[in-house]
Amino acid sequence: MSDHAASVPAKADRSGGEVPPLPDELRTWMRMLAAAGVVEQTMSKHVKRALGVSHDEFLVLCLLADQPGGTARMTQVAELLGRPKTRLTYQVRCLHHAGLVTRESVCGDRRGIALTLTDKARRLLAEQGPDLADAVRRALAERAGCERGSALTALLPTHHALDASSQDGTSSPEA
C-alpha cells in the first residue's frame, strides 16, 4: 500500500462499514479515464463538424496518418485501436465510401487487406488538424483546470518537437 493510502483515513460507507481509500495509482487512472472521456465527447462533435466522420472513424484516420506511407493492415489497425475486426470493417467501409481510405489486397495474402489514406484524407487532416489539436487542449484545460490542463498538454508533442524528430529520423508523421 502507498504511503498516501496509509495516511488517508478510511471513509464510512452507507452501511456504516469502512471503505478503504483508493491507492494513488487507481485514483490517477480514474482521473485519466475521466479526462479522456471528456476529450472524446468534445472531439466527437468537432470531428463530425470538421471532417464529417465519427470519432471512431477519425481514430482510424489518425492511426493511418501516423503509419509509414499512411498505410497499415486492417488487423494491425484493429489491434492498435483495441477494436474487433468486425467493428473496424464497418468504419473502414464508411471511410472508403467517403473517399478517405483505399482498401487493397496484400500481395501474397488473400485474406490481408491494406488500408491507405487518400490525398483527400491527408488534405483534410492537414487543414483541420491544428483546430482539432486546439480542441483537445481546451477540453483538457476545462476538465482538469488551467494548471493541471497545462501540465497534461505539456506532455503533448509540439510541432517543433515533431519537426525535430522527423529531421533526425526518429519519427515521421508523413513517412
C-alpha atoms as a PDB file:
ATOM      1  CA  MET A   1       0.000   0.000   0.000  1.00  0.00           C
ATOM      2  CA  SER A   2       1.277   3.500  -0.784  1.00  0.00           C
ATOM      3  CA  ASP A   3       2.261   5.918   1.972  1.00  0.00           C
ATOM      4  CA  HIS A   4      -0.561   8.217   0.858  1.00  0.00           C
ATOM      5  CA  ALA A   5      -3.212   5.499   1.133  1.00  0.00           C
ATOM      6  CA  ALA A   6      -1.977   4.588   4.595  1.00  0.00           C
ATOM      7  CA  SER A   7      -2.233   8.211   5.736  1.00  0.00           C
ATOM      8  CA  VAL A   8      -5.757   8.783   4.390  1.00  0.00           C
ATOM      9  CA  PRO A   9      -8.435   7.771   6.881  1.00  0.00           C
ATOM     10  CA  ALA A  10     -10.974   5.198   5.694  1.00  0.00           C
ATOM     11  CA  LYS A  11     -14.439   6.545   4.945  1.00  0.00           C
ATOM     12  CA  ALA A  12     -17.683   5.036   6.150  1.00  0.00           C
ATOM     13  CA  ASP A  13     -19.987   3.577   3.506  1.00  0.00           C
ATOM     14  CA  ARG A  14     -23.798   3.705   3.652  1.00  0.00           C
ATOM     15  CA  SER A  15     -23.973   0.592   5.781  1.00  0.00           C
ATOM     16  CA  GLY A  16     -21.640   2.101   8.352  1.00  0.00           C
ATOM     17  CA  GLY A  17     -18.678  -0.121   7.375  1.00  0.00           C
ATOM     18  CA  GLU A  18     -15.351   1.359   6.447  1.00  0.00           C
ATOM     19  CA  VAL A  19     -14.407   1.837   2.802  1.00  0.00           C
ATOM     20  CA  PRO A  20     -10.656   1.698   2.253  1.00  0.00           C
ATOM     21  CA  PRO A  21      -9.209   4.653   0.316  1.00  0.00           C
ATOM     22  CA  LEU A  22      -8.177   4.078  -3.267  1.00  0.00           C
ATOM     23  CA  PRO A  23      -4.474   3.686  -3.892  1.00  0.00           C
ATOM     24  CA  ASP A  24      -2.971   6.699  -5.653  1.00  0.00           C
ATOM     25  CA  GLU A  25      -2.426   4.710  -8.862  1.00  0.00           C
ATOM     26  CA  LEU A  26      -6.138   3.837  -9.127  1.00  0.00           C
ATOM     27  CA  ARG A  27      -7.176   7.388  -8.351  1.00  0.00           C
ATOM     28  CA  THR A  28      -4.808   8.677 -11.063  1.00  0.00           C
ATOM     29  CA  TRP A  29      -6.067   6.082 -13.559  1.00  0.00           C
ATOM     30  CA  MET A  30      -9.694   7.055 -12.884  1.00  0.00           C
ATOM     31  CA  ARG A  31      -8.878  10.748 -13.394  1.00  0.00           C
ATOM     32  CA  MET A  32      -7.096   9.938 -16.657  1.00  0.00           C
ATOM     33  CA  LEU A  33     -10.122   7.964 -17.878  1.00  0.00           C
ATOM     34  CA  ALA A  34     -12.472  10.789 -16.910  1.00  0.00           C
ATOM     35  CA  ALA A  35     -10.320  13.360 -18.713  1.00  0.00           C
ATOM     36  CA  ALA A  36     -10.077  11.104 -21.774  1.00  0.00           C
ATOM     37  CA  GLY A  37     -13.865  10.685 -21.758  1.00  0.00           C
ATOM     38  CA  VAL A  38     -14.414  14.443 -21.715  1.00  0.00           C
ATOM     39  CA  VAL A  39     -11.918  14.922 -24.537  1.00  0.00           C
ATOM     40  CA  GLU A  40     -13.565  12.124 -26.539  1.00  0.00           C
ATOM     41  CA  GLN A  41     -17.025  13.701 -26.169  1.00  0.00           C
ATOM     42  CA  THR A  42     -15.679  17.089 -27.184  1.00  0.00           C
ATOM     43  CA  MET A  43     -13.736  15.661 -30.108  1.00  0.00           C
ATOM     44  CA  SER A  44     -16.728  13.686 -31.366  1.00  0.00           C
ATOM     45  CA  LYS A  45     -18.577  16.941 -32.000  1.00  0.00           C
ATOM     46  CA  HIS A  46     -15.588  18.725 -33.537  1.00  0.00           C
ATOM     47  CA  VAL A  47     -14.602  15.792 -35.751  1.00  0.00           C
ATOM     48  CA  LYS A  48     -18.116  15.314 -37.087  1.00  0.00           C
ATOM     49  CA  ARG A  49     -18.382  19.006 -37.929  1.00  0.00           C
ATOM     50  CA  ALA A  50     -14.848  19.387 -39.356  1.00  0.00           C
ATOM     51  CA  LEU A  51     -14.400  16.092 -41.205  1.00  0.00           C
ATOM     52  CA  GLY A  52     -17.871  14.586 -41.466  1.00  0.00           C
ATOM     53  CA  VAL A  53     -16.779  11.319 -39.797  1.00  0.00           C
ATOM     54  CA  SER A  54     -17.433   9.658 -36.457  1.00  0.00           C
ATOM     55  CA  HIS A  55     -14.919   9.740 -33.627  1.00  0.00           C
ATOM     56  CA  ASP A  56     -14.034   6.076 -34.211  1.00  0.00           C
ATOM     57  CA  GLU A  57     -13.518   6.720 -37.933  1.00  0.00           C
ATOM     58  CA  PHE A  58     -11.317   9.689 -37.030  1.00  0.00           C
ATOM     59  CA  LEU A  59      -9.172   7.413 -34.851  1.00  0.00           C
ATOM     60  CA  VAL A  60      -8.626   5.147 -37.859  1.00  0.00           C
ATOM     61  CA  LEU A  61      -7.570   8.150 -39.958  1.00  0.00           C
ATOM     62  CA  CYS A  62      -5.170   9.372 -37.263  1.00  0.00           C
ATOM     63  CA  LEU A  63      -3.677   5.939 -36.822  1.00  0.00           C
ATOM     64  CA  LEU A  64      -3.118   5.603 -40.577  1.00  0.00           C
ATOM     65  CA  ALA A  65      -1.657   9.115 -40.737  1.00  0.00           C
ATOM     66  CA  ASP A  66       0.899   8.030 -38.153  1.00  0.00           C
ATOM     67  CA  GLN A  67       1.991   4.942 -40.141  1.00  0.00           C
ATOM     68  CA  PRO A  68       4.736   4.878 -42.775  1.00  0.00           C
ATOM     69  CA  GLY A  69       3.156   5.783 -46.116  1.00  0.00           C
ATOM     70  CA  GLY A  70      -0.214   6.277 -44.412  1.00  0.00           C
ATOM     71  CA  THR A  71      -0.770   2.522 -44.810  1.00  0.00           C
ATOM     72  CA  ALA A  72      -1.466  -0.334 -42.401  1.00  0.00           C
ATOM     73  CA  ARG A  73      -3.088  -3.740 -42.490  1.00  0.00           C
ATOM     74  CA  MET A  74      -6.624  -3.953 -41.108  1.00  0.00           C
ATOM     75  CA  THR A  75      -5.541  -6.480 -38.486  1.00  0.00           C
ATOM     76  CA  GLN A  76      -2.840  -4.065 -37.277  1.00  0.00           C
ATOM     77  CA  VAL A  77      -5.316  -1.157 -37.118  1.00  0.00           C
ATOM     78  CA  ALA A  78      -7.823  -3.275 -35.179  1.00  0.00           C
ATOM     79  CA  GLU A  79      -5.099  -4.377 -32.776  1.00  0.00           C
ATOM     80  CA  LEU A  80      -3.703  -0.864 -32.222  1.00  0.00           C
ATOM     81  CA  LEU A  81      -7.180   0.554 -31.593  1.00  0.00           C
ATOM     82  CA  GLY A  82      -8.217  -2.386 -29.423  1.00  0.00           C
ATOM     83  CA  ARG A  83     -11.277  -2.973 -31.587  1.00  0.00           C
ATOM     84  CA  PRO A  84     -12.686  -6.186 -33.029  1.00  0.00           C
ATOM     85  CA  LYS A  85     -12.005  -6.520 -36.751  1.00  0.00           C
ATOM     86  CA  THR A  86     -15.744  -6.837 -37.448  1.00  0.00           C
ATOM     87  CA  ARG A  87     -16.408  -3.402 -35.938  1.00  0.00           C
ATOM     88  CA  LEU A  88     -13.492  -1.929 -37.847  1.00  0.00           C
ATOM     89  CA  THR A  89     -14.861  -3.329 -41.126  1.00  0.00           C
ATOM     90  CA  TYR A  90     -17.930  -1.087 -40.845  1.00  0.00           C
ATOM     91  CA  GLN A  91     -15.841   2.001 -40.054  1.00  0.00           C
ATOM     92  CA  VAL A  92     -13.496   1.299 -42.967  1.00  0.00           C
ATOM     93  CA  ARG A  93     -16.473   0.844 -45.300  1.00  0.00           C
ATOM     94  CA  CYS A  94     -17.736   4.308 -44.282  1.00  0.00           C
ATOM     95  CA  LEU A  95     -14.277   5.864 -44.735  1.00  0.00           C
ATOM     96  CA  HIS A  96     -13.870   4.183 -48.131  1.00  0.00           C
ATOM     97  CA  HIS A  97     -17.309   5.401 -49.233  1.00  0.00           C
ATOM     98  CA  ALA A  98     -16.320   8.954 -48.190  1.00  0.00           C
ATOM     99  CA  GLY A  99     -13.137   8.697 -50.283  1.00  0.00           C
ATOM    100  CA  LEU A 100     -10.820   8.916 -47.263  1.00  0.00           C
ATOM    101  CA  VAL A 101      -9.149   5.488 -47.434  1.00  0.00           C
ATOM    102  CA  THR A 102      -8.401   2.887 -50.055  1.00  0.00           C
ATOM    103  CA  ARG A 103      -8.522  -0.863 -49.476  1.00  0.00           C
ATOM    104  CA  GLU A 104      -6.193  -3.212 -51.309  1.00  0.00           C
ATOM    105  CA  SER A 105      -5.390  -6.896 -51.005  1.00  0.00           C
ATOM    106  CA  VAL A 106      -1.966  -7.586 -49.575  1.00  0.00           C
ATOM    107  CA  CYS A 107       0.269  -9.308 -52.101  1.00  0.00           C
ATOM    108  CA  GLY A 108       0.742 -12.943 -51.182  1.00  0.00           C
ATOM    109  CA  ASP A 109      -2.004 -12.966 -48.549  1.00  0.00           C
ATOM    110  CA  ARG A 110      -5.502 -13.291 -49.982  1.00  0.00           C
ATOM    111  CA  ARG A 111      -7.098 -12.505 -46.604  1.00  0.00           C
ATOM    112  CA  GLY A 112      -4.915  -9.486 -45.834  1.00  0.00           C
ATOM    113  CA  ILE A 113      -6.267  -6.001 -46.526  1.00  0.00           C
ATOM    114  CA  ALA A 114      -4.103  -2.883 -46.511  1.00  0.00           C
ATOM    115  CA  LEU A 115      -5.682   0.481 -45.752  1.00  0.00           C
ATOM    116  CA  THR A 116      -4.154   3.680 -47.104  1.00  0.00           C
ATOM    117  CA  LEU A 117      -5.088   7.316 -46.582  1.00  0.00           C
ATOM    118  CA  THR A 118      -6.193   9.086 -49.732  1.00  0.00           C
ATOM    119  CA  ASP A 119      -4.947  12.514 -50.761  1.00  0.00           C
ATOM    120  CA  LYS A 120      -8.347  13.852 -49.716  1.00  0.00           C
ATOM    121  CA  ALA A 121      -7.874  12.488 -46.174  1.00  0.00           C
ATOM    122  CA  ARG A 122      -4.328  13.859 -45.960  1.00  0.00           C
ATOM    123  CA  ARG A 123      -5.558  17.278 -47.066  1.00  0.00           C
ATOM    124  CA  LEU A 124      -8.446  17.273 -44.553  1.00  0.00           C
ATOM    125  CA  LEU A 125      -6.172  16.232 -41.705  1.00  0.00           C
ATOM    126  CA  ALA A 126      -3.632  18.912 -42.635  1.00  0.00           C
ATOM    127  CA  GLU A 127      -6.334  21.592 -42.856  1.00  0.00           C
ATOM    128  CA  GLN A 128      -8.310  20.628 -39.749  1.00  0.00           C
ATOM    129  CA  GLY A 129      -5.501  19.180 -37.587  1.00  0.00           C
ATOM    130  CA  PRO A 130      -4.479  22.419 -35.862  1.00  0.00           C
ATOM    131  CA  ASP A 131      -8.089  23.293 -34.942  1.00  0.00           C
ATOM    132  CA  LEU A 132      -8.719  19.772 -33.666  1.00  0.00           C
ATOM    133  CA  ALA A 133      -5.489  19.886 -31.624  1.00  0.00           C
ATOM    134  CA  ASP A 134      -6.676  23.160 -30.071  1.00  0.00           C
ATOM    135  CA  ALA A 135      -9.992  21.481 -29.209  1.00  0.00           C
ATOM    136  CA  VAL A 136      -8.056  18.741 -27.366  1.00  0.00           C
ATOM    137  CA  ARG A 137      -6.047  21.327 -25.415  1.00  0.00           C
ATOM    138  CA  ARG A 138      -9.188  23.290 -24.475  1.00  0.00           C
ATOM    139  CA  ALA A 139     -11.055  20.135 -23.408  1.00  0.00           C
ATOM    140  CA  LEU A 140      -8.135  19.060 -21.213  1.00  0.00           C
ATOM    141  CA  ALA A 141      -7.898  22.512 -19.643  1.00  0.00           C
ATOM    142  CA  GLU A 142     -11.656  22.598 -18.961  1.00  0.00           C
ATOM    143  CA  ARG A 143     -11.651  19.127 -17.435  1.00  0.00           C
ATOM    144  CA  ALA A 144      -8.501  19.409 -15.395  1.00  0.00           C
ATOM    145  CA  GLY A 145      -8.414  23.141 -14.714  1.00  0.00           C
ATOM    146  CA  CYS A 146      -5.848  25.526 -16.094  1.00  0.00           C
ATOM    147  CA  GLU A 147      -2.876  24.356 -14.029  1.00  0.00           C
ATOM    148  CA  ARG A 148      -3.443  20.612 -14.490  1.00  0.00           C
ATOM    149  CA  GLY A 149      -4.544  21.148 -18.097  1.00  0.00           C
ATOM    150  CA  SER A 150      -1.265  22.910 -18.785  1.00  0.00           C
ATOM    151  CA  ALA A 151       0.612  20.018 -17.190  1.00  0.00           C
ATOM    152  CA  LEU A 152      -1.286  17.499 -19.326  1.00  0.00           C
ATOM    153  CA  THR A 153      -0.847  19.460 -22.541  1.00  0.00           C
ATOM    154  CA  ALA A 154       2.857  19.823 -21.738  1.00  0.00           C
ATOM    155  CA  LEU A 155       3.027  16.059 -22.277  1.00  0.00           C
ATOM    156  CA  LEU A 156       1.770  16.510 -25.848  1.00  0.00           C
ATOM    157  CA  PRO A 157       4.413  16.900 -28.546  1.00  0.00           C
ATOM    158  CA  THR A 158       4.749  20.326 -30.080  1.00  0.00           C
ATOM    159  CA  HIS A 159       5.022  20.953 -33.800  1.00  0.00           C
ATOM    160  CA  HIS A 160       8.640  21.938 -33.174  1.00  0.00           C
ATOM    161  CA  ALA A 161       9.345  18.614 -31.424  1.00  0.00           C
ATOM    162  CA  LEU A 162       7.691  16.699 -34.257  1.00  0.00           C
ATOM    163  CA  ASP A 163       9.705  18.616 -36.847  1.00  0.00           C
ATOM    164  CA  ALA A 164      12.958  17.917 -34.979  1.00  0.00           C
ATOM    165  CA  SER A 165      12.236  14.206 -34.606  1.00  0.00           C
ATOM    166  CA  SER A 166      11.398  13.853 -38.298  1.00  0.00           C
ATOM    167  CA  GLN A 167      14.673  15.559 -39.211  1.00  0.00           C
ATOM    168  CA  ASP A 168      16.766  13.220 -37.095  1.00  0.00           C
ATOM    169  CA  GLY A 169      14.927  10.180 -38.443  1.00  0.00           C
ATOM    170  CA  THR A 170      13.358   9.013 -35.160  1.00  0.00           C
ATOM    171  CA  SER A 171       9.760   9.619 -36.165  1.00  0.00           C
ATOM    172  CA  SER A 172       7.956  10.915 -39.163  1.00  0.00           C
ATOM    173  CA  PRO A 173       4.213  11.561 -39.251  1.00  0.00           C
ATOM    174  CA  GLU A 174       4.338  11.800 -43.044  1.00  0.00           C
ATOM    175  CA  ALA A 175       6.617   8.818 -43.668  1.00  0.00           C
END
